[in-house]
Amino acid sequence: MERKPQWLKIKLAHTPQYSITRDIVEKRQLHTICSSGKCPNISQCWSMGTATFMILGDICTRSCKFCATATGKPLSPDPAEPSKIAESIRLMQLKHSVITSVDRDDLTDKGANHWAETIRAVRTANPNIIIEVLIPDFDSRTELLDLVVIAQPTIIGHNLETVERLTPHVRSRAKYQLSLEVLKYVSGKNRIAKTGIMLGLGETPDEVMQTMQDARNAGVRLFTIGQYLQPTAQHLPVQEYVHPTQFEIYKNEGEKLGFDHIESGPLVRSSYMAEKTFLSSKINKA
């Protein structure tokens, strides 16, 4: 595979705010997808005073071939975690918070009750905040999805990750159609649905367009497209570094499909510039 192109080169800039964000995360023993997922944008986001919190531990019960998060037998959920997250968000003075989690197939409720408690705690401590969550599929069990919906986060995200053909190869247990069911269900409950995919895994432009159309048909309003980067030698290799002009083409085509906002670029991740994405969307301007 060719070397990483110039447009993926990142300048690290650890500002004083980066240290403040890091200290809040470390002192409260919190997990973030920024570090667990080896996100290339960690320096930029933490320097802006924001982070994507990851609840229910840092060990996932699934083993997707693209993800750097550790796989194994997780510890029991920390009952103090919801309040820790809520207080950290208050200290960081966030207007838009993003929370995700590992998959917890070991738990009877897949972690849904812990999710609901966390959302409520964040809302109580930060009444005016936009709460964006990036949830697992919960095996598309509606009674578990309802626990999250009833807690009333502003945005409910669940990533398709890749096109339908590549899903069995890229994701361990998740299924493409099942993920679409999740998105359709939450959008049908009058929640803002969001999803995202990675490029460079061997997909074709037609498959990307079909995935965007499938997402729109499921009621998705916010869509992200980014470049897959191989986190370790044990993960899937990059098949292609997609040029920024192609990302721009997908953005334009996505807008024609009717998404309220589509964020498309090599360094885009599902939670990257989440506040900017929401503020720039037709939803916020309505």
Protein backbone atom coordinates (compact mmCIF):
# COMPACT_ATOMS: atom_id res chain seq x y z
CA MET A 1 0.00 0.00 0.00
CA GLU A 2 1.19 3.51 -0.80
CA ARG A 3 2.44 5.79 1.91
CA LYS A 4 0.02 8.04 3.73
CA PRO A 5 -0.61 11.07 1.49
CA GLN A 6 0.13 14.67 2.40
CA TRP A 7 -3.51 15.52 3.09
CA LEU A 8 -3.51 13.03 5.99
CA LYS A 9 -0.44 14.50 7.67
CA ILE A 10 -1.41 16.04 11.01
CA LYS A 11 0.37 18.78 12.91
CA LEU A 12 0.28 18.09 16.64
CA ALA A 13 -0.33 21.18 18.74
CA HIS A 14 -0.73 20.57 22.45
CA THR A 15 -2.09 23.84 23.82
CA PRO A 16 -2.68 24.64 27.50
CA GLN A 17 -6.32 23.66 26.92
CA TYR A 18 -5.16 20.21 25.78
CA SER A 19 -3.55 19.69 29.19
CA ILE A 20 -6.70 20.85 30.97
CA THR A 21 -8.85 18.40 28.99
CA ARG A 22 -6.39 15.56 29.57
CA ASP A 23 -6.27 16.28 33.31
CA ILE A 24 -10.08 16.25 33.62
CA VAL A 25 -10.25 12.90 31.82
CA GLU A 26 -7.38 11.32 33.77
CA LYS A 27 -8.27 12.59 37.25
CA ARG A 28 -11.82 11.26 36.94
CA GLN A 29 -10.58 7.98 35.44
CA LEU A 30 -12.77 8.39 32.38
CA HIS A 31 -12.46 6.67 29.03
CA THR A 32 -12.59 8.45 25.68
CA ILE A 33 -12.82 7.08 22.17
CA CYS A 34 -10.23 9.74 21.34
CA SER A 35 -7.51 7.70 23.03
CA SER A 36 -9.01 4.18 22.93
CA GLY A 37 -9.78 4.51 19.23
CA LYS A 38 -6.42 6.13 18.40
CA CYS A 39 -8.25 9.06 16.79
CA PRO A 40 -6.00 11.23 14.59
CA ASN A 41 -7.83 14.36 15.74
CA ILE A 42 -7.17 13.99 19.46
CA SER A 43 -4.68 16.85 19.59
CA GLN A 44 -7.00 19.27 17.82
CA CYS A 45 -10.15 18.33 19.74
CA TRP A 46 -8.59 18.25 23.20
CA SER A 47 -6.87 21.55 22.43
CA MET A 48 -10.34 22.95 21.74
CA GLY A 49 -11.50 21.68 25.13
CA THR A 50 -13.71 18.86 23.89
CA ALA A 51 -13.57 15.07 23.99
CA THR A 52 -15.82 12.13 23.11
CA PHE A 53 -16.53 10.22 26.31
CA MET A 54 -16.77 6.43 26.20
CA ILE A 55 -18.91 4.76 28.85
CA LEU A 56 -19.26 1.16 30.08
CA GLY A 57 -15.50 0.65 30.25
CA ASP A 58 -12.80 0.40 27.61
CA ILE A 59 -13.09 -3.30 26.74
CA CYS A 60 -15.52 -4.28 23.98
CA THR A 61 -17.24 -7.64 23.62
CA ARG A 62 -16.97 -7.44 19.85
CA SER A 63 -13.86 -7.56 17.68
CA CYS A 64 -14.46 -5.44 14.59
CA LYS A 65 -11.46 -5.54 12.28
CA PHE A 66 -11.20 -1.77 11.91
CA CYS A 67 -11.44 -0.74 15.56
CA ALA A 68 -8.53 -0.14 17.94
CA THR A 69 -10.62 -0.52 21.11
CA ALA A 70 -9.54 -3.55 23.17
CA THR A 71 -11.61 -6.73 22.96
CA GLY A 72 -12.16 -9.13 25.86
CA LYS A 73 -14.14 -9.65 29.04
CA PRO A 74 -15.21 -6.25 30.42
CA LEU A 75 -15.47 -5.25 34.06
CA SER A 76 -18.83 -4.50 35.65
CA PRO A 77 -20.17 -1.02 34.81
CA ASP A 78 -19.07 1.72 37.21
CA PRO A 79 -22.21 3.00 38.99
CA ALA A 80 -20.48 6.35 39.58
CA GLU A 81 -19.67 6.83 35.90
CA PRO A 82 -22.83 8.80 34.95
CA SER A 83 -22.12 11.44 37.59
CA LYS A 84 -18.41 11.53 36.66
CA ILE A 85 -19.28 12.16 33.02
CA ALA A 86 -21.85 14.81 33.92
CA GLU A 87 -19.45 16.69 36.21
CA SER A 88 -16.61 16.52 33.68
CA ILE A 89 -18.83 18.00 30.99
CA ARG A 90 -19.80 20.79 33.39
CA LEU A 91 -16.16 21.54 34.20
CA MET A 92 -15.29 21.61 30.50
CA GLN A 93 -18.19 24.04 29.96
CA LEU A 94 -19.33 22.16 26.88
CA LYS A 95 -22.37 23.30 24.92
CA HIS A 96 -22.41 20.08 22.88
CA SER A 97 -21.39 16.76 24.43
CA VAL A 98 -20.71 13.50 22.59
CA ILE A 99 -20.90 10.16 24.38
CA THR A 100 -20.26 6.71 22.96
CA SER A 101 -19.64 3.26 24.43
CA VAL A 102 -18.16 -0.14 23.85
CA ASP A 103 -20.52 -3.00 22.99
CA ARG A 104 -21.62 -4.88 26.11
CA ASP A 105 -23.15 -8.10 24.81
CA ASP A 106 -22.23 -9.64 28.17
CA LEU A 107 -24.95 -7.63 29.93
CA THR A 108 -28.61 -8.64 29.92
CA ASP A 109 -29.65 -5.13 28.87
CA LYS A 110 -26.55 -4.57 26.67
CA GLY A 111 -25.81 -1.55 28.88
CA ALA A 112 -28.97 0.35 27.92
CA ASN A 113 -29.95 1.25 31.50
CA HIS A 114 -26.46 2.63 32.14
CA TRP A 115 -26.79 4.66 28.96
CA ALA A 116 -30.10 6.13 30.15
CA GLU A 117 -28.68 6.98 33.57
CA THR A 118 -25.71 8.74 31.97
CA ILE A 119 -27.89 10.84 29.67
CA ARG A 120 -30.14 11.89 32.54
CA ALA A 121 -27.16 12.75 34.75
CA VAL A 122 -25.60 14.89 32.02
CA ARG A 123 -28.88 16.70 31.41
CA THR A 124 -29.41 17.37 35.12
CA ALA A 125 -25.94 18.84 35.58
CA ASN A 126 -25.99 20.68 32.24
CA PRO A 127 -29.63 21.65 31.52
CA ASN A 128 -29.06 23.51 28.24
CA ILE A 129 -26.54 21.19 26.63
CA ILE A 130 -26.91 19.40 23.30
CA ILE A 131 -26.43 15.70 24.06
CA GLU A 132 -25.24 13.59 21.15
CA VAL A 133 -24.92 9.85 21.70
CA LEU A 134 -23.29 7.23 19.49
CA ILE A 135 -24.88 3.95 20.54
CA PRO A 136 -24.33 0.23 19.84
CA ASP A 137 -27.05 -1.66 17.96
CA PHE A 138 -28.43 -3.35 21.13
CA ASP A 139 -29.25 -6.20 18.70
CA SER A 140 -32.05 -3.86 17.52
CA ARG A 141 -34.13 -4.71 20.60
CA THR A 142 -36.71 -1.95 20.71
CA GLU A 143 -37.24 -2.17 24.47
CA LEU A 144 -33.55 -1.34 24.94
CA LEU A 145 -33.51 1.39 22.31
CA ASP A 146 -36.53 2.91 24.07
CA LEU A 147 -34.51 3.31 27.27
CA VAL A 148 -32.12 5.59 25.38
CA VAL A 149 -34.87 7.39 23.46
CA ILE A 150 -36.90 8.12 26.61
CA ALA A 151 -33.84 9.71 28.25
CA GLN A 152 -34.11 12.28 25.44
CA PRO A 153 -30.67 12.87 23.98
CA THR A 154 -30.77 15.49 21.23
CA ILE A 155 -29.03 13.36 18.60
CA ILE A 156 -28.85 9.56 18.42
CA GLY A 157 -26.06 8.21 16.26
CA HIS A 158 -25.31 4.66 15.23
CA ASN A 159 -22.67 4.04 12.60
CA LEU A 160 -23.09 1.85 9.55
CA GLU A 161 -19.26 1.97 9.32
CA THR A 162 -19.06 0.63 5.75
CA VAL A 163 -21.09 -0.45 2.74
CA GLU A 164 -23.35 -3.51 2.87
CA ARG A 165 -21.06 -5.84 0.87
CA LEU A 166 -18.09 -5.23 3.17
CA THR A 167 -19.97 -5.32 6.48
CA PRO A 168 -19.41 -9.04 7.24
CA HIS A 169 -15.69 -8.58 6.60
CA VAL A 170 -15.30 -5.34 8.57
CA ARG A 171 -17.70 -5.68 11.53
CA SER A 172 -17.74 -8.70 13.83
CA ARG A 173 -21.36 -9.22 14.90
CA ALA A 174 -23.19 -6.19 13.56
CA LYS A 175 -25.30 -6.52 10.43
CA TYR A 176 -25.95 -3.81 7.86
CA GLN A 177 -29.72 -4.22 7.72
CA LEU A 178 -29.96 -4.46 11.50
CA SER A 179 -28.10 -1.15 11.84
CA LEU A 180 -30.53 0.41 9.37
CA GLU A 181 -33.38 -0.88 11.55
CA VAL A 182 -31.86 0.89 14.56
CA LEU A 183 -31.57 4.16 12.66
CA LYS A 184 -35.10 3.88 11.29
CA TYR A 185 -36.47 3.16 14.76
CA VAL A 186 -34.86 6.13 16.49
CA SER A 187 -35.76 8.51 13.66
CA GLY A 188 -39.34 7.26 13.92
CA LYS A 189 -39.30 8.25 17.59
CA ASN A 190 -38.68 11.90 16.58
CA ARG A 191 -35.00 11.80 17.51
CA ILE A 192 -32.36 13.25 15.17
CA ALA A 193 -30.66 10.20 13.63
CA LYS A 194 -27.00 10.31 12.62
CA THR A 195 -24.67 7.77 11.02
CA GLY A 196 -21.28 7.55 9.39
CA ILE A 197 -19.02 5.41 7.22
CA MET A 198 -15.31 4.98 6.51
CA LEU A 199 -13.77 4.92 3.05
CA GLY A 200 -10.70 3.10 1.82
CA LEU A 201 -11.77 -0.46 2.66
CA GLY A 202 -12.49 -1.52 -0.91
CA GLU A 203 -15.91 0.05 -1.46
CA THR A 204 -16.97 1.47 -4.84
CA PRO A 205 -18.49 4.94 -5.44
CA ASP A 206 -21.80 3.33 -6.39
CA GLU A 207 -21.83 1.43 -3.08
CA VAL A 208 -21.15 4.64 -1.16
CA MET A 209 -24.04 6.33 -2.91
CA GLN A 210 -26.31 3.37 -2.17
CA THR A 211 -25.31 3.51 1.50
CA MET A 212 -26.20 7.19 1.68
CA GLN A 213 -29.53 6.49 0.01
CA ASP A 214 -30.22 3.64 2.46
CA ALA A 215 -29.46 5.97 5.36
CA ARG A 216 -31.81 8.65 4.03
CA ASN A 217 -34.53 6.05 3.55
CA ALA A 218 -34.07 5.14 7.23
CA GLY A 219 -34.62 8.75 8.26
CA VAL A 220 -31.00 9.71 8.92
CA ARG A 221 -30.50 13.48 8.93
CA LEU A 222 -26.79 13.84 9.74
CA PHE A 223 -24.12 11.85 7.86
CA THR A 224 -20.33 11.66 8.16
CA ILE A 225 -17.75 10.21 5.77
CA GLY A 226 -14.07 9.81 6.65
CA GLN A 227 -10.95 7.91 5.63
CA TYR A 228 -10.22 4.59 7.31
CA LEU A 229 -6.74 4.51 8.86
CA GLN A 230 -5.24 1.19 9.97
CA PRO A 231 -4.66 1.52 13.74
CA THR A 232 -2.26 -1.45 14.07
CA ALA A 233 -0.70 -4.15 11.89
CA GLN A 234 -3.34 -6.59 13.20
CA HIS A 235 -6.20 -4.57 11.73
CA LEU A 236 -7.52 -4.40 8.19
CA PRO A 237 -5.10 -2.78 5.75
CA VAL A 238 -6.06 0.38 3.90
CA GLN A 239 -7.07 -0.45 0.35
CA GLU A 240 -7.15 3.14 -0.89
CA TYR A 241 -6.44 6.66 0.30
CA VAL A 242 -9.43 8.52 -1.10
CA HIS A 243 -8.60 11.96 -2.51
CA PRO A 244 -10.22 15.01 -0.88
CA THR A 245 -11.96 15.88 -4.15
CA GLN A 246 -13.85 12.57 -4.01
CA PHE A 247 -14.98 13.38 -0.47
CA GLU A 248 -16.29 16.68 -1.80
CA ILE A 249 -18.21 14.83 -4.52
CA TYR A 250 -19.85 12.63 -1.90
CA LYS A 251 -20.74 15.69 0.15
CA ASN A 252 -22.44 17.33 -2.83
CA GLU A 253 -24.30 14.15 -3.73
CA GLY A 254 -25.38 13.69 -0.11
CA GLU A 255 -26.80 17.19 -0.01
CA LYS A 256 -28.88 16.34 -3.09
CA LEU A 257 -30.27 13.32 -1.22
CA GLY A 258 -31.64 15.66 1.43
CA PHE A 259 -29.41 15.21 4.50
CA ASP A 260 -29.66 18.15 6.87
CA HIS A 261 -25.87 18.14 7.00
CA ILE A 262 -23.13 15.92 5.63
CA GLU A 263 -19.54 16.17 6.89
CA SER A 264 -17.17 14.55 4.40
CA GLY A 265 -13.36 14.65 4.42
CA PRO A 266 -10.29 12.48 5.01
CA LEU A 267 -9.99 13.29 8.72
CA VAL A 268 -13.70 13.33 9.50
CA ARG A 269 -14.86 10.98 12.25
CA SER A 270 -18.40 10.47 13.53
CA SER A 271 -17.85 12.82 16.47
CA TYR A 272 -15.35 15.15 14.77
CA MET A 273 -16.51 18.77 15.02
CA ALA A 274 -19.88 17.46 16.18
CA GLU A 275 -20.96 20.85 17.54
CA LYS A 276 -20.02 22.59 14.27
CA THR A 277 -21.87 19.92 12.30
CA PHE A 278 -25.04 20.47 14.31
CA LEU A 279 -24.81 24.27 14.27
CA SER A 280 -24.27 24.22 10.51
CA SER A 281 -27.18 21.88 9.85
CA LYS A 282 -30.61 22.79 8.60
CA ILE A 283 -31.96 21.35 11.88
CA ASN A 284 -30.37 24.11 13.96
CA LYS A 285 -31.35 26.80 11.48
CA ALA A 286 -34.98 25.72 11.32
